[in-house]
């Protein structure tokens, strides 16, 4: 089977537009599902009587998607990406219907795991399809604005849409809404996305043992960081850590000897890809440590409602889109995106530093401005990381290189969420115990910061005889803990400047990817 050449890519404006619109609908499908479910979950667990499995509705999806991304990134390189995008849309849409039809929490979790496989396939193949349509990087930069806009709009409207559907149509429609989006994306992708392979030899047999080791390594890491903040049994955490470490070492040994490795280790010694992967890991870590715990500070520390906290976070998601659009307009006029990376990282650092100073007296406008600054910084960085990875990778490894960039960001997000959560929880508890020395009666109530966002529980605490100022002091303890975590995030971001410096100068004009 011969590889299809660049001539197979769409040539005129209409073909390129329709192919990109198809991929945009795919992105909307994934982003919309991830953003709408958060507002629906409390209602879901109440109806299905599954509060003890609450976290698994998200964990099941993340677990299967993070495992799937690198595997299908490699398969897309071998067989072409279009068949897997089509299969992933069908799988994701059917799994969404199963989620909406679930009659128990266990059924929902299993359907979410299936949905995660489809979502991982889509992430692994969609971003890598853009160079198939636009081999030249300067042209690709202009068209990627569509991606940024689609992703940003889905994230911006997702929480509100989830709340509206749950309140007026029922929580099942949060999943059923994927059906029309899935049908549209399937039709457009089927008709207009080119089917391109970049290798002349027939597809080689997949490294199934390597894929299994990737699954064990990433799966163990995912469960470890999910359960660590929950203070799960130490023996179970230790077993997961040992399993993850052993499978990682075996993976390195095996992939170095395999003829067609699912994870080419040479990527991690590549002078350009290595710092890009590390930068993606760091950005994922810091981005989610901010996105998850700034709302906790707004609700638990400042006493805002979920809706008010959501409005303060919304500028971050919207500004990522704005930053990406601005980046697309600027970078096409530059020889290299290095300067833009420095600017983006500086803006993101300023946002993290701002969060260490925000208090209950800070005006909403200043908080929104800090969120906008962080979003603009991310919008200036994220598209350029993808661009540099795709420019620096051989065409035969575009899929796995792009997938590994996404995987590193996902791993960073897992680590950032878990480690920042553990730090905040431990600092908060330590401050509470220091504040309420010899008052175990109240520390038992306040050890879990959930009381600060649960109005009913807080009311019972006050009814038990606690002074209102004790609750206010607990809120201050939480704010101080979040401030400390964001200060450490800002310190970690300084490492990003060194990583950007380590990326060799790359001209983005007048060349295609290496072959």
Protein backbone atom coordinates (compact mmCIF):
# COMPACT_ATOMS: atom_id res chain seq x y z
CA UNK A 1 0.00 0.00 0.00
CA UNK A 2 1.55 3.29 -1.08
CA UNK A 3 1.37 6.47 0.87
CA UNK A 4 -0.87 9.17 -0.43
CA UNK A 5 1.09 12.27 -1.39
CA UNK A 6 0.36 15.88 -0.55
CA UNK A 7 -1.68 16.08 -3.71
CA UNK A 8 -4.36 14.12 -1.89
CA UNK A 9 -4.87 17.07 0.44
CA UNK A 10 -7.74 19.46 -0.39
CA UNK A 11 -6.54 22.11 -2.83
CA UNK A 12 -9.18 24.82 -3.02
CA UNK A 13 -10.57 27.07 -0.30
CA UNK A 14 -13.96 25.32 -0.11
CA UNK A 15 -12.43 21.86 0.42
CA UNK A 16 -10.05 23.14 3.09
CA UNK A 17 -12.82 25.03 4.87
CA UNK A 18 -15.17 22.05 4.96
CA UNK A 19 -12.40 19.69 6.11
CA UNK A 20 -11.47 22.07 8.95
CA UNK A 21 -15.12 22.58 9.89
CA UNK A 22 -15.46 18.83 10.23
CA UNK A 23 -12.50 18.74 12.62
CA UNK A 24 -13.92 21.73 14.50
CA UNK A 25 -17.17 19.85 15.08
CA UNK A 26 -15.08 16.96 16.43
CA UNK A 27 -13.36 19.32 18.87
CA UNK A 28 -16.70 20.79 19.92
CA UNK A 29 -17.97 17.26 20.56
CA UNK A 30 -15.15 16.52 23.00
CA UNK A 31 -14.87 19.96 24.62
CA UNK A 32 -18.62 20.36 25.06
CA UNK A 33 -18.94 16.99 26.79
CA UNK A 34 -16.12 17.78 29.22
CA UNK A 35 -17.49 21.21 30.11
CA UNK A 36 -21.24 20.49 30.42
CA UNK A 37 -21.02 17.45 32.68
CA UNK A 38 -19.60 19.32 35.68
CA UNK A 39 -22.79 21.26 36.36
CA UNK A 40 -24.93 18.16 35.85
CA UNK A 41 -23.09 15.70 38.10
CA UNK A 42 -24.64 16.71 41.44
CA UNK A 43 -28.11 16.11 39.96
CA UNK A 44 -26.95 12.83 38.36
CA UNK A 45 -25.61 11.32 41.59
CA UNK A 46 -28.71 12.45 43.49
CA UNK A 47 -31.03 10.66 41.05
CA UNK A 48 -28.90 7.54 40.67
CA UNK A 49 -28.02 7.35 44.40
CA UNK A 50 -24.31 7.12 43.65
CA UNK A 51 -22.53 9.78 45.70
CA UNK A 52 -19.87 7.26 46.76
CA UNK A 53 -18.93 6.90 43.06
CA UNK A 54 -19.13 10.64 42.30
CA UNK A 55 -15.46 11.08 41.38
CA UNK A 56 -15.46 8.04 39.10
CA UNK A 57 -17.74 9.74 36.61
CA UNK A 58 -14.75 11.91 35.73
CA UNK A 59 -11.97 9.47 36.59
CA UNK A 60 -13.30 6.72 34.30
CA UNK A 61 -13.26 9.09 31.31
CA UNK A 62 -9.78 10.44 32.08
CA UNK A 63 -8.35 7.01 32.75
CA UNK A 64 -9.34 5.51 29.40
CA UNK A 65 -8.63 8.66 27.38
CA UNK A 66 -5.11 9.21 28.71
CA UNK A 67 -4.29 5.56 27.90
CA UNK A 68 -5.82 5.78 24.42
CA UNK A 69 -4.14 8.96 23.15
CA UNK A 70 -0.58 7.66 22.50
CA UNK A 71 -1.80 4.32 21.11
CA UNK A 72 -4.06 5.86 18.47
CA UNK A 73 -1.52 8.56 17.73
CA UNK A 74 0.75 5.74 16.55
CA UNK A 75 -2.03 3.90 14.72
CA UNK A 76 -2.92 7.11 12.88
CA UNK A 77 0.65 7.32 11.61
CA UNK A 78 0.51 3.75 10.35
CA UNK A 79 -2.96 3.57 8.80
CA UNK A 80 -3.92 7.21 8.26
CA UNK A 81 -6.04 9.27 10.62
CA UNK A 82 -9.41 9.49 8.88
CA UNK A 83 -10.61 5.90 9.65
CA UNK A 84 -9.91 6.39 13.35
CA UNK A 85 -11.61 9.79 13.50
CA UNK A 86 -14.73 8.27 11.92
CA UNK A 87 -14.64 5.29 14.30
CA UNK A 88 -14.04 7.60 17.28
CA UNK A 89 -17.01 9.85 16.43
CA UNK A 90 -19.30 6.82 16.19
CA UNK A 91 -17.96 5.34 19.44
CA UNK A 92 -18.11 8.65 21.31
CA UNK A 93 -21.67 9.38 20.17
CA UNK A 94 -22.94 5.88 21.00
CA UNK A 95 -21.25 6.04 24.41
CA UNK A 96 -22.96 9.40 25.01
CA UNK A 97 -26.32 7.77 24.32
CA UNK A 98 -25.45 5.00 26.81
CA UNK A 99 -24.54 7.64 29.40
CA UNK A 100 -27.90 9.35 28.91
CA UNK A 101 -29.74 6.04 29.18
CA UNK A 102 -27.88 4.85 32.32
CA UNK A 103 -30.12 3.52 35.08
CA UNK A 104 -27.41 3.24 37.75
CA UNK A 105 -24.17 4.97 38.65
CA UNK A 106 -22.18 1.87 37.65
CA UNK A 107 -23.75 1.91 34.18
CA UNK A 108 -22.90 5.59 33.84
CA UNK A 109 -19.27 5.02 34.86
CA UNK A 110 -18.85 2.16 32.37
CA UNK A 111 -20.38 4.29 29.60
CA UNK A 112 -18.07 7.18 30.56
CA UNK A 113 -15.08 4.85 30.29
CA UNK A 114 -16.20 3.88 26.77
CA UNK A 115 -16.70 7.55 26.00
CA UNK A 116 -13.14 8.22 27.18
CA UNK A 117 -11.78 5.74 24.62
CA UNK A 118 -13.57 7.65 21.86
CA UNK A 119 -12.41 10.98 23.27
CA UNK A 120 -8.80 9.80 23.45
CA UNK A 121 -8.96 8.60 19.84
CA UNK A 122 -10.29 11.99 18.75
CA UNK A 123 -7.60 13.94 20.63
CA UNK A 124 -4.88 11.65 19.25
CA UNK A 125 -5.93 12.05 15.62
CA UNK A 126 -7.70 15.40 15.21
CA UNK A 127 -4.76 17.72 15.94
CA UNK A 128 -2.42 15.61 13.81
CA UNK A 129 -4.84 15.85 10.87
CA UNK A 130 -4.25 19.58 10.43
CA UNK A 131 -0.78 19.13 8.83
CA UNK A 132 -2.39 16.66 6.41
CA UNK A 133 -4.64 19.46 5.17
CA UNK A 134 -2.03 22.22 5.39
CA UNK A 135 1.51 20.90 4.83
CA UNK A 136 2.98 24.42 5.00
CA UNK A 137 3.23 25.79 8.53
CA UNK A 138 2.52 29.43 7.64
CA UNK A 139 -0.83 28.45 6.07
CA UNK A 140 -1.70 26.14 8.94
CA UNK A 141 -1.23 28.92 11.47
CA UNK A 142 -3.98 31.00 9.87
CA UNK A 143 -6.45 28.14 9.79
CA UNK A 144 -5.82 26.97 13.34
CA UNK A 145 -7.78 30.00 14.50
CA UNK A 146 -10.88 27.94 13.67
CA UNK A 147 -9.70 25.26 16.11
CA UNK A 148 -9.05 27.78 18.86
CA UNK A 149 -12.42 29.45 18.33
CA UNK A 150 -14.36 26.18 18.34
CA UNK A 151 -12.62 24.88 21.45
CA UNK A 152 -12.95 28.19 23.28
CA UNK A 153 -16.64 28.63 22.50
CA UNK A 154 -17.42 25.07 23.63
CA UNK A 155 -15.63 25.64 26.92
CA UNK A 156 -17.25 29.04 27.40
CA UNK A 157 -20.87 27.96 26.82
CA UNK A 158 -20.52 24.43 28.21
CA UNK A 159 -21.12 25.10 31.94
CA UNK A 160 -24.14 27.35 31.26
CA UNK A 161 -25.56 24.89 28.73
CA UNK A 162 -25.10 22.03 31.19
CA UNK A 163 -26.96 23.96 33.88
CA UNK A 164 -29.79 24.92 31.50
CA UNK A 165 -30.27 21.39 30.14
CA UNK A 166 -30.16 19.85 33.61
CA UNK A 167 -32.69 22.30 35.04
CA UNK A 168 -35.20 22.45 32.19
CA UNK A 169 -34.71 19.26 30.16
CA UNK A 170 -33.19 16.80 32.63
CA UNK A 171 -29.58 15.68 33.11
CA UNK A 172 -29.80 12.98 30.43
CA UNK A 173 -29.94 15.68 27.74
CA UNK A 174 -26.45 16.75 28.79
CA UNK A 175 -25.33 13.55 27.01
CA UNK A 176 -28.05 13.38 24.34
CA UNK A 177 -26.96 16.81 23.03
CA UNK A 178 -23.88 15.06 21.63
CA UNK A 179 -26.05 13.19 19.11
CA UNK A 180 -26.69 16.07 16.65
CA UNK A 181 -23.10 17.32 16.98
CA UNK A 182 -21.81 13.79 16.38
CA UNK A 183 -23.99 13.26 13.31
CA UNK A 184 -22.92 16.58 11.75
CA UNK A 185 -19.22 15.98 12.44
CA UNK A 186 -19.44 12.42 11.09
CA UNK A 187 -21.03 13.58 7.84
CA UNK A 188 -18.57 16.41 7.21
CA UNK A 189 -15.49 14.36 8.12
CA UNK A 190 -16.66 11.42 6.00
CA UNK A 191 -17.16 13.61 2.94
CA UNK A 192 -14.38 16.15 3.12
CA UNK A 193 -11.48 15.07 5.36
CA UNK A 194 -8.69 13.65 3.14
CA UNK A 195 -7.41 10.15 3.84
CA UNK A 196 -3.61 10.46 3.86
CA UNK A 197 -0.78 8.13 4.87
CA UNK A 198 2.80 9.34 4.97
CA UNK A 199 4.58 5.99 4.70
CA UNK A 200 5.11 3.91 1.55
CA UNK A 201 5.39 0.55 3.29
CA UNK A 202 2.31 -1.41 4.39
CA UNK A 203 1.18 -0.77 7.97
CA UNK A 204 3.35 -2.65 10.44
CA UNK A 205 1.99 -4.76 13.25
CA UNK A 206 1.20 -2.68 16.31
CA UNK A 207 3.44 -3.05 19.33
CA UNK A 208 0.68 -4.48 21.53
CA UNK A 209 2.98 -5.28 24.45
CA UNK A 210 4.26 -1.70 24.39
CA UNK A 211 0.67 -0.44 24.25
CA UNK A 212 -0.14 -2.58 27.32
CA UNK A 213 2.83 -1.13 29.19
CA UNK A 214 1.78 2.40 28.23
CA UNK A 215 -1.70 1.62 29.59
CA UNK A 216 -0.30 0.23 32.85
CA UNK A 217 2.07 3.16 33.34
CA UNK A 218 -0.40 5.94 32.59
CA UNK A 219 -3.31 4.11 34.25
CA UNK A 220 -1.37 3.62 37.48
CA UNK A 221 -0.30 7.25 37.47
CA UNK A 222 -3.86 8.43 36.85
CA UNK A 223 -5.30 6.39 39.73
CA UNK A 224 -2.42 7.34 42.03
CA UNK A 225 -2.89 11.07 41.58
CA UNK A 226 -6.70 10.73 41.78
CA UNK A 227 -6.60 8.82 45.06
CA UNK A 228 -3.69 10.62 46.72
CA UNK A 229 -5.69 13.69 47.83
CA UNK A 230 -8.45 11.38 49.10
CA UNK A 231 -6.03 9.73 51.55
CA UNK A 232 -6.78 6.30 50.15
CA UNK A 233 -5.21 3.30 51.94
CA UNK A 234 -1.39 3.71 51.95
CA UNK A 235 -0.83 0.10 50.89
CA UNK A 236 -2.98 0.56 47.79
CA UNK A 237 -1.20 3.81 46.90
CA UNK A 238 2.19 2.12 47.37
CA UNK A 239 1.11 -0.80 45.16
CA UNK A 240 0.00 1.60 42.42
CA UNK A 241 3.27 3.50 42.65
CA UNK A 242 5.28 0.27 42.38
CA UNK A 243 3.18 -0.96 39.45
CA UNK A 244 3.59 2.37 37.63
CA UNK A 245 7.35 2.50 38.22
CA UNK A 246 7.88 -1.15 37.19
CA UNK A 247 5.79 -0.82 34.03
CA UNK A 248 7.57 2.45 33.13
CA UNK A 249 11.01 0.84 33.43
CA UNK A 250 9.87 -2.20 31.46
CA UNK A 251 8.37 0.11 28.82
CA UNK A 252 11.69 1.93 28.37
CA UNK A 253 13.54 -1.38 28.08
CA UNK A 254 11.02 -2.87 25.62
CA UNK A 255 10.57 0.15 23.36
CA UNK A 256 14.34 0.40 22.94
CA UNK A 257 14.38 -3.10 21.44
CA UNK A 258 11.12 -3.13 19.48
CA UNK A 259 11.26 -2.73 15.68
CA UNK A 260 8.06 -0.66 15.51
CA UNK A 261 7.60 0.83 19.00
CA UNK A 262 4.29 2.41 19.92
CA UNK A 263 6.32 5.06 21.77
CA UNK A 264 9.54 5.93 19.89
CA UNK A 265 12.01 6.81 22.64
CA UNK A 266 14.11 8.89 20.23
CA UNK A 267 11.46 11.61 20.55
CA UNK A 268 12.48 12.19 24.16
CA UNK A 269 16.12 12.79 23.22
CA UNK A 270 15.26 15.05 20.26
CA UNK A 271 16.74 18.53 20.93
CA UNK A 272 13.45 20.26 20.01
CA UNK A 273 10.80 17.76 21.12
CA UNK A 274 12.26 17.11 24.57
CA UNK A 275 11.93 20.70 25.90
CA UNK A 276 8.55 21.05 24.16
CA UNK A 277 7.23 17.94 25.91
CA UNK A 278 8.55 19.19 29.25
CA UNK A 279 7.02 22.62 28.66
CA UNK A 280 3.66 21.01 27.85
CA UNK A 281 3.87 18.96 31.06
CA UNK A 282 4.62 22.08 33.10
CA UNK A 283 1.85 24.14 31.48
CA UNK A 284 -0.67 21.35 32.08
CA UNK A 285 0.42 21.13 35.72
CA UNK A 286 0.14 24.87 36.37
CA UNK A 287 -2.98 25.46 34.26
CA UNK A 288 -5.11 22.90 36.07
CA UNK A 289 -3.69 23.78 39.49
CA UNK A 290 -5.10 27.26 38.84
CA UNK A 291 -8.34 26.29 37.07
CA UNK A 292 -9.36 23.80 39.77
CA UNK A 293 -8.44 25.71 42.91
CA UNK A 294 -9.16 29.33 42.03
CA UNK A 295 -12.91 28.45 42.06
CA UNK A 296 -12.40 26.72 45.44
CA UNK A 297 -10.93 29.96 46.80
CA UNK A 298 -13.80 31.99 45.34
CA UNK A 299 -16.50 29.69 46.76
CA UNK A 300 -14.97 28.32 49.96
CA UNK A 301 -12.77 31.28 50.83
CA UNK A 302 -14.88 34.23 49.69
CA UNK A 303 -18.31 32.63 50.11
CA UNK A 304 -19.40 33.20 46.50
CA UNK A 305 -22.04 31.03 44.83
CA UNK A 306 -21.00 28.47 42.17
CA UNK A 307 -22.54 30.71 39.51
CA UNK A 308 -20.58 33.75 40.72
CA UNK A 309 -17.35 31.75 40.85
CA UNK A 310 -18.03 30.42 37.36
CA UNK A 311 -18.44 33.94 36.02
CA UNK A 312 -15.05 34.89 37.45
CA UNK A 313 -13.38 31.89 35.81
CA UNK A 314 -15.09 32.32 32.43
CA UNK A 315 -12.67 35.09 31.27
CA UNK A 316 -9.85 32.55 31.50
CA UNK A 317 -11.49 30.16 29.02
CA UNK A 318 -12.65 32.94 26.70
CA UNK A 319 -9.25 34.64 26.70
CA UNK A 320 -7.52 31.41 25.66
CA UNK A 321 -9.51 31.68 22.44
CA UNK A 322 -8.74 35.39 22.08
CA UNK A 323 -5.05 34.74 22.71
CA UNK A 324 -5.00 31.99 20.09
CA UNK A 325 -6.60 34.30 17.51
CA UNK A 326 -4.11 37.07 18.29
CA UNK A 327 -1.29 34.52 18.06
CA UNK A 328 -2.46 33.42 14.62
CA UNK A 329 -2.39 37.00 13.40
CA UNK A 330 1.06 37.77 14.83
CA UNK A 331 3.08 34.59 14.38
CA UNK A 332 2.53 34.48 10.63
CA UNK A 333 4.56 37.71 10.44
CA UNK A 334 7.47 36.35 12.50
CA UNK A 335 10.35 34.07 11.61
CA UNK A 336 10.06 32.14 14.88
CA UNK A 337 7.44 31.92 17.68
CA UNK A 338 10.04 31.99 20.49
CA UNK A 339 9.29 35.60 21.41
CA UNK A 340 5.57 34.85 21.60
CA UNK A 341 6.26 31.92 23.93
CA UNK A 342 8.16 34.21 26.31
CA UNK A 343 5.33 36.76 26.26
CA UNK A 344 2.68 34.09 26.84
CA UNK A 345 4.58 32.57 29.76
CA UNK A 346 5.09 36.02 31.30
CA UNK A 347 1.35 36.75 31.14
CA UNK A 348 0.51 33.37 32.68
CA UNK A 349 3.07 34.00 35.44
CA UNK A 350 1.49 37.39 36.18
CA UNK A 351 -1.90 35.69 36.54
CA UNK A 352 -0.51 33.16 39.02
CA UNK A 353 1.16 35.95 41.03
CA UNK A 354 -2.11 37.90 41.02
CA UNK A 355 -3.92 34.93 42.56
CA UNK A 356 -1.54 35.07 45.54
CA UNK A 357 -2.79 38.60 46.32
CA UNK A 358 -6.51 38.29 45.67
CA UNK A 359 -8.71 38.65 48.75
CA UNK A 360 -12.40 38.94 49.52
CA UNK A 361 -12.09 42.72 49.16
CA UNK A 362 -10.60 42.50 45.66
CA UNK A 363 -13.01 43.85 43.07
CA UNK A 364 -14.51 41.35 40.59
CA UNK A 365 -13.05 43.45 37.76
CA UNK A 366 -9.49 42.93 39.04
CA UNK A 367 -10.09 39.19 39.44
CA UNK A 368 -11.52 38.97 35.92
CA UNK A 369 -8.51 40.90 34.62
CA UNK A 370 -6.16 38.41 36.26
CA UNK A 371 -8.08 35.54 34.67
CA UNK A 372 -7.98 37.26 31.28
CA UNK A 373 -4.23 37.74 31.58
CA UNK A 374 -3.72 34.03 32.28
CA UNK A 375 -6.01 33.03 29.42
CA UNK A 376 -4.20 35.30 26.95
CA UNK A 377 -0.89 33.80 28.04
CA UNK A 378 -2.15 30.26 27.45
CA UNK A 379 -3.61 31.27 24.09
CA UNK A 380 -0.23 32.56 23.01
CA UNK A 381 1.59 29.39 24.11
CA UNK A 382 -0.55 26.33 23.39
CA UNK A 383 -0.94 26.68 19.59
CA UNK A 384 2.78 27.35 19.18
CA UNK A 385 3.74 24.20 21.08
CA UNK A 386 1.66 22.14 18.65
CA UNK A 387 3.13 24.03 15.68
CA UNK A 388 6.74 23.50 16.78
CA UNK A 389 6.19 19.80 17.50
CA UNK A 390 4.64 19.23 14.07
CA UNK A 391 7.38 21.19 12.28
CA UNK A 392 10.11 19.25 14.09
CA UNK A 393 8.64 15.75 13.68
CA UNK A 394 9.09 13.44 10.68
CA UNK A 395 5.85 13.10 8.72
CA UNK A 396 5.76 9.41 9.57
CA UNK A 397 5.63 10.29 13.29
CA UNK A 398 3.32 13.33 13.22
CA UNK A 399 0.53 11.47 14.98
CA UNK A 400 2.52 10.00 17.85
CA UNK A 401 4.50 13.24 18.38
CA UNK A 402 1.32 15.35 18.51
CA UNK A 403 -0.36 12.74 20.72
CA UNK A 404 2.60 12.74 23.13
CA UNK A 405 2.38 16.53 23.42
CA UNK A 406 -1.30 16.16 24.42
CA UNK A 407 -0.48 13.24 26.73
CA UNK A 408 2.23 15.21 28.53
CA UNK A 409 -0.25 18.03 29.08
CA UNK A 410 -2.84 15.56 30.41
CA UNK A 411 -0.28 13.98 32.75
CA UNK A 412 0.70 17.45 33.92
CA UNK A 413 -2.94 18.30 34.58
CA UNK A 414 -3.36 15.13 36.64
CA UNK A 415 -0.26 15.87 38.69
CA UNK A 416 -1.14 19.54 39.14
CA UNK A 417 -4.68 18.79 40.28
CA UNK A 418 -3.60 16.09 42.74
CA UNK A 419 -0.46 17.66 44.21
CA UNK A 420 -1.94 21.15 44.52
CA UNK A 421 -5.01 19.57 46.14
CA UNK A 422 -2.89 17.66 48.66
CA UNK A 423 -0.85 20.78 49.47
CA UNK A 424 -3.93 22.96 49.96
CA UNK A 425 -5.67 20.31 52.07
CA UNK A 426 -2.65 19.77 54.34
CA UNK A 427 -1.94 23.48 54.75
CA UNK A 428 -5.58 24.19 55.50
CA UNK A 429 -5.84 21.45 58.14
CA UNK A 430 -2.57 22.57 59.75
CA UNK A 431 -3.82 26.17 59.97
CA UNK A 432 -7.17 25.03 61.40
CA UNK A 433 -5.48 22.97 64.13
CA UNK A 434 -3.14 25.84 64.95
CA UNK A 435 -6.08 28.25 65.16
CA UNK A 436 -8.25 25.94 67.31
CA UNK A 437 -5.74 24.49 69.77
CA UNK A 438 -7.51 22.30 72.35
CA UNK A 439 -10.86 22.76 70.58
CA UNK A 440 -11.19 19.34 68.98
CA UNK A 441 -14.96 19.73 68.93
CA UNK A 442 -14.72 22.34 66.19
CA UNK A 443 -11.67 21.00 64.36
CA UNK A 444 -13.60 17.79 63.66
CA UNK A 445 -16.14 19.92 61.78
CA UNK A 446 -13.62 22.09 59.95
CA UNK A 447 -10.97 19.53 58.94
CA UNK A 448 -12.82 19.00 55.66
CA UNK A 449 -13.00 22.27 53.65
CA UNK A 450 -16.21 20.92 52.08
CA UNK A 451 -18.05 22.66 54.92
CA UNK A 452 -17.06 26.02 53.39
CA UNK A 453 -18.93 25.31 50.14
CA UNK A 454 -21.83 23.32 51.66
CA UNK A 455 -24.37 25.80 53.03
CA UNK A 456 -26.43 23.14 54.84
CA UNK A 457 -23.39 21.72 56.63
CA UNK A 458 -22.20 25.22 57.57
CA UNK A 459 -25.64 25.99 59.01
CA UNK A 460 -25.52 22.85 61.18
CA UNK A 461 -22.03 23.88 62.35
CA UNK A 462 -23.39 27.24 63.52
CA UNK A 463 -26.43 25.59 65.10
CA UNK A 464 -24.06 23.40 67.13
CA UNK A 465 -22.86 26.53 68.90
CA UNK A 466 -19.87 27.60 66.86
CA UNK A 467 -19.19 31.30 66.50
CA UNK A 468 -19.69 32.75 63.04
CA UNK A 469 -16.21 34.27 63.24
CA UNK A 470 -14.80 30.74 63.55
CA UNK A 471 -16.25 29.93 60.14
CA UNK A 472 -14.87 33.20 58.77
CA UNK A 473 -11.44 32.37 60.19
CA UNK A 474 -11.62 28.94 58.50
CA UNK A 475 -12.34 30.67 55.21
CA UNK A 476 -9.21 32.78 55.72
CA UNK A 477 -7.21 29.61 56.36
CA UNK A 478 -8.39 28.20 53.04
CA UNK A 479 -7.55 31.43 51.20
CA UNK A 480 -4.04 31.43 52.68
CA UNK A 481 -3.55 27.79 51.67
CA UNK A 482 -4.61 28.52 48.08
CA UNK A 483 -2.37 31.61 48.04
CA UNK A 484 0.61 29.44 49.03
CA UNK A 485 -0.16 26.89 46.32
CA UNK A 486 -0.40 29.60 43.66
CA UNK A 487 2.90 31.09 44.85
CA UNK A 488 4.57 27.72 44.29
CA UNK A 489 2.90 27.52 40.86
CA UNK A 490 4.41 30.92 40.02
CA UNK A 491 7.84 29.68 41.13
CA UNK A 492 7.48 26.59 38.96
CA UNK A 493 6.56 28.73 35.96
CA UNK A 494 10.00 30.32 36.15
CA UNK A 495 11.34 26.96 34.96
CA UNK A 496 9.39 27.52 31.75
CA UNK A 497 11.69 30.37 30.71
CA UNK A 498 14.64 28.00 30.84
CA UNK A 499 12.73 25.38 28.83
CA UNK A 500 11.85 27.93 26.14
CA UNK A 501 15.51 28.96 26.05
CA UNK A 502 16.44 25.29 25.46
CA UNK A 503 14.25 25.10 22.31
CA UNK A 504 16.52 25.65 19.28
CA UNK A 505 15.62 28.53 16.99
CA UNK A 506 13.16 27.25 14.39
CA UNK A 507 11.98 29.20 11.36
CA UNK A 508 8.32 28.51 10.71
CA UNK A 509 8.20 29.90 7.17
CA UNK A 510 9.36 28.41 3.92
CA UNK A 511 9.48 24.80 5.06
CA UNK A 512 7.30 21.80 5.64
CA UNK A 513 7.78 19.05 8.15
CA UNK A 514 10.67 16.73 7.86
CA UNK A 515 9.96 13.67 5.88
